[in-house]
Each structure stands twice: as C-alpha cells, then as structure tokens.
N, C-alpha and C. Protein backbone atom coordinates (compact mmCIF):
# COMPACT_ATOMS: atom_id res chain seq x y z
N UNK A 1 0.84 -1.17 0.00
CA UNK A 1 0.00 0.00 0.00
C UNK A 1 0.89 1.24 0.00
N UNK A 2 0.58 2.16 -0.86
CA UNK A 2 1.38 3.36 -1.03
C UNK A 2 0.85 4.47 -0.11
N UNK A 3 1.73 5.10 0.62
CA UNK A 3 1.36 6.21 1.49
C UNK A 3 1.19 7.48 0.68
N UNK A 4 0.25 8.31 1.15
CA UNK A 4 0.03 9.59 0.48
C UNK A 4 1.17 10.54 0.82
N UNK A 5 1.50 11.36 -0.14
CA UNK A 5 2.57 12.34 0.09
C UNK A 5 2.08 13.41 1.06
N UNK A 6 3.01 14.14 1.62
CA UNK A 6 2.69 15.20 2.57
C UNK A 6 1.75 16.22 1.93
N UNK A 7 1.95 16.50 0.68
CA UNK A 7 1.11 17.47 -0.04
C UNK A 7 -0.35 16.99 -0.06
N UNK A 8 -0.59 15.72 -0.39
CA UNK A 8 -1.95 15.18 -0.46
C UNK A 8 -2.57 15.07 0.93
N UNK A 9 -1.79 14.70 1.92
CA UNK A 9 -2.32 14.62 3.28
C UNK A 9 -2.73 16.00 3.78
N UNK A 10 -1.94 17.02 3.48
CA UNK A 10 -2.27 18.39 3.87
C UNK A 10 -3.54 18.86 3.16
N UNK A 11 -3.64 18.56 1.89
CA UNK A 11 -4.82 18.93 1.11
C UNK A 11 -6.07 18.23 1.67
N UNK A 12 -5.96 16.94 1.97
CA UNK A 12 -7.08 16.19 2.51
C UNK A 12 -7.50 16.73 3.88
N UNK A 13 -6.53 17.02 4.74
CA UNK A 13 -6.83 17.58 6.05
C UNK A 13 -7.51 18.94 5.92
N UNK A 14 -7.02 19.77 5.02
CA UNK A 14 -7.62 21.09 4.78
C UNK A 14 -9.06 20.95 4.30
N UNK A 15 -9.31 20.03 3.38
CA UNK A 15 -10.66 19.80 2.89
C UNK A 15 -11.59 19.32 4.00
N UNK A 16 -11.11 18.45 4.85
CA UNK A 16 -11.91 17.96 5.96
C UNK A 16 -12.25 19.07 6.95
N UNK A 17 -11.28 19.92 7.25
CA UNK A 17 -11.51 21.03 8.17
C UNK A 17 -12.51 22.01 7.58
N UNK A 18 -12.35 22.36 6.31
CA UNK A 18 -13.28 23.30 5.65
C UNK A 18 -14.68 22.70 5.59
N UNK A 19 -14.79 21.41 5.27
CA UNK A 19 -16.10 20.76 5.23
C UNK A 19 -16.74 20.74 6.61
N UNK A 20 -15.97 20.47 7.63
CA UNK A 20 -16.50 20.45 9.00
C UNK A 20 -16.99 21.81 9.44
N UNK A 21 -16.20 22.83 9.16
CA UNK A 21 -16.60 24.19 9.53
C UNK A 21 -17.84 24.62 8.75
N UNK A 22 -17.91 24.24 7.48
CA UNK A 22 -19.08 24.57 6.66
C UNK A 22 -20.34 23.89 7.19
N UNK A 23 -20.22 22.62 7.57
CA UNK A 23 -21.37 21.91 8.13
C UNK A 23 -21.81 22.51 9.46
N UNK A 24 -20.85 22.88 10.29
CA UNK A 24 -21.18 23.52 11.56
C UNK A 24 -21.88 24.85 11.33
N UNK A 25 -21.38 25.63 10.38
CA UNK A 25 -22.02 26.91 10.06
C UNK A 25 -23.43 26.72 9.53
N UNK A 26 -23.61 25.73 8.68
CA UNK A 26 -24.94 25.44 8.15
C UNK A 26 -25.89 25.03 9.28
N UNK A 27 -25.42 24.20 10.19
CA UNK A 27 -26.25 23.77 11.32
C UNK A 27 -26.64 24.97 12.18
N UNK A 28 -25.71 25.89 12.40
CA UNK A 28 -26.02 27.08 13.20
C UNK A 28 -27.04 27.98 12.51
N UNK A 29 -26.92 28.13 11.21
CA UNK A 29 -27.87 28.95 10.45
C UNK A 29 -29.26 28.32 10.50
N UNK A 30 -29.34 27.00 10.34
CA UNK A 30 -30.62 26.31 10.40
C UNK A 30 -31.24 26.45 11.78
N UNK A 31 -30.45 26.28 12.82
CA UNK A 31 -30.96 26.41 14.19
C UNK A 31 -31.46 27.82 14.46
N UNK A 32 -30.74 28.82 13.98
CA UNK A 32 -31.16 30.21 14.16
C UNK A 32 -32.47 30.46 13.44
N UNK A 33 -32.63 29.90 12.26
CA UNK A 33 -33.86 30.07 11.48
C UNK A 33 -35.05 29.41 12.20
N UNK A 34 -34.82 28.24 12.76
CA UNK A 34 -35.87 27.55 13.51
C UNK A 34 -36.28 28.39 14.73
N UNK A 35 -35.29 28.90 15.46
CA UNK A 35 -35.58 29.73 16.64
C UNK A 35 -36.33 31.00 16.25
N UNK A 36 -35.93 31.60 15.14
CA UNK A 36 -36.57 32.82 14.67
C UNK A 36 -38.03 32.56 14.28
N UNK A 37 -38.27 31.46 13.59
CA UNK A 37 -39.64 31.11 13.19
C UNK A 37 -40.49 30.80 14.40
N UNK A 38 -39.94 30.07 15.36
CA UNK A 38 -40.67 29.75 16.60
C UNK A 38 -41.04 31.04 17.33
N UNK A 39 -40.11 31.98 17.43
CA UNK A 39 -40.36 33.25 18.10
C UNK A 39 -41.45 34.04 17.36
N UNK A 40 -41.43 33.99 16.04
CA UNK A 40 -42.45 34.68 15.25
C UNK A 40 -43.84 34.09 15.53
N UNK A 41 -43.95 32.77 15.57
CA UNK A 41 -45.23 32.13 15.87
C UNK A 41 -45.70 32.45 17.28
N UNK A 42 -44.77 32.49 18.23
CA UNK A 42 -45.13 32.83 19.60
C UNK A 42 -45.66 34.26 19.67
N UNK A 43 -45.01 35.17 18.97
CA UNK A 43 -45.47 36.56 18.97
C UNK A 43 -46.85 36.69 18.33
N UNK A 44 -47.09 35.95 17.23
CA UNK A 44 -48.39 35.99 16.60
C UNK A 44 -49.47 35.43 17.52
N UNK A 45 -49.16 34.34 18.21
CA UNK A 45 -50.12 33.75 19.14
C UNK A 45 -50.44 34.73 20.27
N UNK A 46 -49.43 35.40 20.80
CA UNK A 46 -49.67 36.38 21.86
C UNK A 46 -50.53 37.53 21.36
N UNK A 47 -50.32 37.94 20.11
CA UNK A 47 -51.12 39.02 19.52
C UNK A 47 -52.58 38.59 19.42
N UNK A 48 -52.82 37.35 18.96
CA UNK A 48 -54.19 36.85 18.90
C UNK A 48 -54.83 36.82 20.28
N UNK A 49 -54.09 36.35 21.25
CA UNK A 49 -54.63 36.26 22.61
C UNK A 49 -54.98 37.65 23.13
N UNK A 50 -54.07 38.61 22.93
CA UNK A 50 -54.34 39.97 23.40
C UNK A 50 -55.52 40.60 22.68
N UNK A 51 -55.71 40.27 21.40
CA UNK A 51 -56.84 40.83 20.65
C UNK A 51 -58.16 40.15 21.04
N UNK A 52 -58.12 38.87 21.32
CA UNK A 52 -59.34 38.14 21.65
C UNK A 52 -59.79 38.34 23.09
N UNK A 53 -58.87 38.59 23.98
CA UNK A 53 -59.21 38.69 25.41
C UNK A 53 -60.33 39.70 25.68
N UNK A 54 -60.22 40.95 25.21
CA UNK A 54 -61.32 41.88 25.52
C UNK A 54 -62.62 41.53 24.79
N UNK A 55 -62.51 40.99 23.57
CA UNK A 55 -63.71 40.68 22.80
C UNK A 55 -64.50 39.52 23.41
N UNK A 56 -63.78 38.53 23.92
CA UNK A 56 -64.44 37.32 24.40
C UNK A 56 -64.52 37.24 25.92
N UNK A 57 -63.93 38.19 26.61
CA UNK A 57 -63.92 38.16 28.07
C UNK A 57 -65.30 38.03 28.67
N UNK A 58 -66.24 38.88 28.24
CA UNK A 58 -67.59 38.83 28.80
C UNK A 58 -68.31 37.55 28.42
N UNK A 59 -68.11 37.09 27.19
CA UNK A 59 -68.77 35.85 26.76
C UNK A 59 -68.32 34.66 27.59
N UNK A 60 -67.06 34.63 27.94
CA UNK A 60 -66.54 33.54 28.76
C UNK A 60 -67.08 33.65 30.19
N UNK A 61 -67.12 34.86 30.73
CA UNK A 61 -67.58 35.07 32.10
C UNK A 61 -69.04 34.63 32.26
N UNK A 62 -69.89 34.98 31.29
CA UNK A 62 -71.30 34.61 31.42
C UNK A 62 -71.57 33.20 30.89
N UNK A 63 -70.56 32.56 30.34
CA UNK A 63 -70.72 31.18 29.89
C UNK A 63 -71.30 31.05 28.51
N UNK A 64 -71.20 32.09 27.69
CA UNK A 64 -71.71 32.04 26.31
C UNK A 64 -70.66 31.39 25.41
N UNK A 65 -70.51 30.08 25.58
CA UNK A 65 -69.49 29.36 24.83
C UNK A 65 -69.84 29.25 23.35
N UNK A 66 -71.10 29.42 22.98
CA UNK A 66 -71.49 29.38 21.57
C UNK A 66 -70.86 30.57 20.82
N UNK A 67 -70.84 31.73 21.46
CA UNK A 67 -70.20 32.90 20.85
C UNK A 67 -68.71 32.68 20.71
N UNK A 68 -68.10 32.13 21.72
CA UNK A 68 -66.67 31.84 21.67
C UNK A 68 -66.38 30.84 20.55
N UNK A 69 -67.20 29.78 20.47
CA UNK A 69 -67.01 28.77 19.43
C UNK A 69 -67.15 29.39 18.04
N UNK A 70 -68.16 30.24 17.86
CA UNK A 70 -68.37 30.88 16.56
C UNK A 70 -67.19 31.78 16.19
N UNK A 71 -66.69 32.52 17.15
CA UNK A 71 -65.53 33.39 16.90
C UNK A 71 -64.31 32.56 16.52
N UNK A 72 -64.07 31.49 17.26
CA UNK A 72 -62.94 30.61 16.96
C UNK A 72 -63.09 29.97 15.58
N UNK A 73 -64.30 29.52 15.26
CA UNK A 73 -64.54 28.91 13.94
C UNK A 73 -64.27 29.92 12.82
N UNK A 74 -64.70 31.17 13.03
CA UNK A 74 -64.46 32.21 12.01
C UNK A 74 -62.96 32.46 11.82
N UNK A 75 -62.21 32.47 12.91
CA UNK A 75 -60.77 32.70 12.82
C UNK A 75 -60.11 31.56 12.04
N UNK A 76 -60.48 30.33 12.35
CA UNK A 76 -59.90 29.18 11.67
C UNK A 76 -60.33 29.15 10.20
N UNK A 77 -61.59 29.47 9.94
CA UNK A 77 -62.10 29.48 8.57
C UNK A 77 -61.38 30.53 7.72
N UNK A 78 -61.01 31.64 8.33
CA UNK A 78 -60.28 32.70 7.62
C UNK A 78 -58.81 32.33 7.41
N UNK A 79 -58.43 31.15 7.89
CA UNK A 79 -57.08 30.62 7.75
C UNK A 79 -56.02 31.45 8.47
N UNK A 80 -56.44 32.17 9.48
CA UNK A 80 -55.48 32.89 10.29
C UNK A 80 -54.70 31.92 11.17
N UNK A 81 -55.39 30.89 11.64
CA UNK A 81 -54.77 29.85 12.47
C UNK A 81 -55.31 28.50 12.01
N UNK A 82 -54.55 27.45 12.30
CA UNK A 82 -55.04 26.11 12.00
C UNK A 82 -55.88 25.56 13.14
N UNK A 83 -55.58 26.00 14.35
CA UNK A 83 -56.33 25.54 15.52
C UNK A 83 -56.29 26.62 16.59
N UNK A 84 -57.40 26.78 17.27
CA UNK A 84 -57.47 27.68 18.41
C UNK A 84 -58.38 27.02 19.45
N UNK A 85 -57.96 27.08 20.69
CA UNK A 85 -58.72 26.41 21.75
C UNK A 85 -58.72 27.26 23.01
N UNK A 86 -59.81 27.17 23.73
CA UNK A 86 -59.92 27.77 25.06
C UNK A 86 -59.76 26.62 26.04
N UNK A 87 -58.73 26.71 26.89
CA UNK A 87 -58.42 25.62 27.80
C UNK A 87 -58.93 25.89 29.20
N UNK A 88 -59.34 24.83 29.87
CA UNK A 88 -59.68 24.91 31.28
C UNK A 88 -58.39 25.20 32.04
N UNK A 89 -58.37 26.23 32.90
CA UNK A 89 -57.10 26.59 33.56
C UNK A 89 -56.57 25.51 34.50
N UNK A 90 -57.44 24.67 35.04
CA UNK A 90 -56.98 23.64 35.98
C UNK A 90 -56.54 22.37 35.28
N UNK A 91 -57.36 21.89 34.35
CA UNK A 91 -57.08 20.60 33.71
C UNK A 91 -56.31 20.74 32.40
N UNK A 92 -56.28 21.94 31.84
CA UNK A 92 -55.65 22.20 30.55
C UNK A 92 -56.31 21.41 29.41
N UNK A 93 -57.55 21.02 29.60
CA UNK A 93 -58.33 20.34 28.56
C UNK A 93 -59.13 21.39 27.82
N UNK A 94 -59.35 21.19 26.50
CA UNK A 94 -60.11 22.19 25.72
C UNK A 94 -61.57 22.28 26.16
N UNK A 95 -62.03 23.50 26.37
CA UNK A 95 -63.44 23.77 26.63
C UNK A 95 -64.12 24.06 25.29
N UNK A 96 -63.47 24.92 24.51
CA UNK A 96 -63.91 25.25 23.16
C UNK A 96 -62.71 25.01 22.26
N UNK A 97 -62.95 24.34 21.13
CA UNK A 97 -61.85 23.96 20.25
C UNK A 97 -62.30 24.11 18.80
N UNK A 98 -61.54 24.85 18.02
CA UNK A 98 -61.81 25.00 16.59
C UNK A 98 -60.54 24.64 15.85
N UNK A 99 -60.70 23.82 14.81
CA UNK A 99 -59.52 23.37 14.06
C UNK A 99 -59.83 23.31 12.59
N UNK A 100 -58.76 23.46 11.81
CA UNK A 100 -58.87 23.43 10.36
C UNK A 100 -59.26 22.04 9.86
N UNK A 101 -58.61 21.03 10.42
CA UNK A 101 -58.92 19.65 10.04
C UNK A 101 -58.91 18.80 11.29
N UNK A 102 -59.77 17.81 11.36
CA UNK A 102 -59.80 16.98 12.56
C UNK A 102 -58.50 16.19 12.71
N UNK A 103 -57.90 16.30 13.88
CA UNK A 103 -56.68 15.56 14.19
C UNK A 103 -56.81 14.97 15.58
N UNK A 104 -55.74 14.44 16.06
CA UNK A 104 -55.73 13.80 17.37
C UNK A 104 -56.06 14.81 18.48
N UNK A 105 -57.14 14.58 19.22
CA UNK A 105 -57.56 15.50 20.28
C UNK A 105 -56.71 15.38 21.54
N UNK A 106 -55.91 14.33 21.66
CA UNK A 106 -55.11 14.16 22.87
C UNK A 106 -53.82 14.95 22.82
N UNK A 107 -53.50 15.53 21.70
CA UNK A 107 -52.26 16.29 21.57
C UNK A 107 -52.35 17.56 22.41
N UNK A 108 -51.35 17.79 23.22
CA UNK A 108 -51.33 18.93 24.13
C UNK A 108 -50.71 20.15 23.45
N UNK A 109 -51.12 21.36 23.86
CA UNK A 109 -50.49 22.56 23.33
C UNK A 109 -49.04 22.66 23.80
N UNK A 110 -48.23 23.45 23.09
CA UNK A 110 -46.84 23.59 23.50
C UNK A 110 -46.71 24.24 24.88
N UNK A 111 -45.61 23.96 25.55
CA UNK A 111 -45.39 24.47 26.91
C UNK A 111 -45.40 26.00 26.95
N UNK A 112 -44.85 26.65 25.93
CA UNK A 112 -44.81 28.12 25.94
C UNK A 112 -46.22 28.70 25.90
N UNK A 113 -47.16 27.97 25.26
CA UNK A 113 -48.53 28.46 25.19
C UNK A 113 -49.21 28.36 26.56
N UNK A 114 -48.93 27.28 27.26
CA UNK A 114 -49.53 27.09 28.57
C UNK A 114 -49.00 28.11 29.57
N UNK A 115 -47.80 28.64 29.33
CA UNK A 115 -47.20 29.61 30.25
C UNK A 115 -47.78 31.01 30.07
N UNK A 116 -48.53 31.27 29.01
CA UNK A 116 -49.09 32.61 28.77
C UNK A 116 -50.13 32.97 29.78
C-alpha cells in the first residue's frame, strides 16, 4: 500500500476542516432560522390572545361558549390559524376547540402556550 505524500495529506486535512466548519455553520444557520420562526409564531399567538381577550372576556364570564365557538370557527375558517382552543385553567383540557382539520384531540399545546 502506497502512502500519500505530505502534499496530499495536507490537502485532505484542509478539505476535511473546511467541510467540518461549513457543516457547523450550516447547522447554526438552520438552528437560528428555527428559533426565529418559533419566536415569530409565539409573537403571533400572543397578539391573537391579546386581541381576543377583551372581545371574548364577557362571553366567557357569562358562559356564552357558543359565541366563543363561533368566533374561533371564524378565525380558523379565515385561515389565520389552524387551531385555536380555550383551555380549562386547571385541567388544561379544551373547553372550546376550533380546528382546520380533525386531528388527534389528545395532543397537548406547547409548553410556551400554557405559560401565557
């Protein structure tokens, strides 16, 4: 078996280092993009919550869940959101739930949503 010359070994090592750094940079860019998109969705969800709170506050207090359901259905139908739910504060189970397409009802909302 013939050994590679110093020139080829140096070239191979350089290529490996450049490829490694490029992959690391790509991974960092992808992670930053994911974090940025997640933050954007969180901000949009907070905006919806802040906009809906005064409109639906009285309906929830008096127990007019039909109005809440209709409002949620309109929001989902307008394709602003794929799903919106009013959760029981103690059990975190949906009281009112509107969704674009029927999916698994046992799926829980993300932790950041529950912290709002």
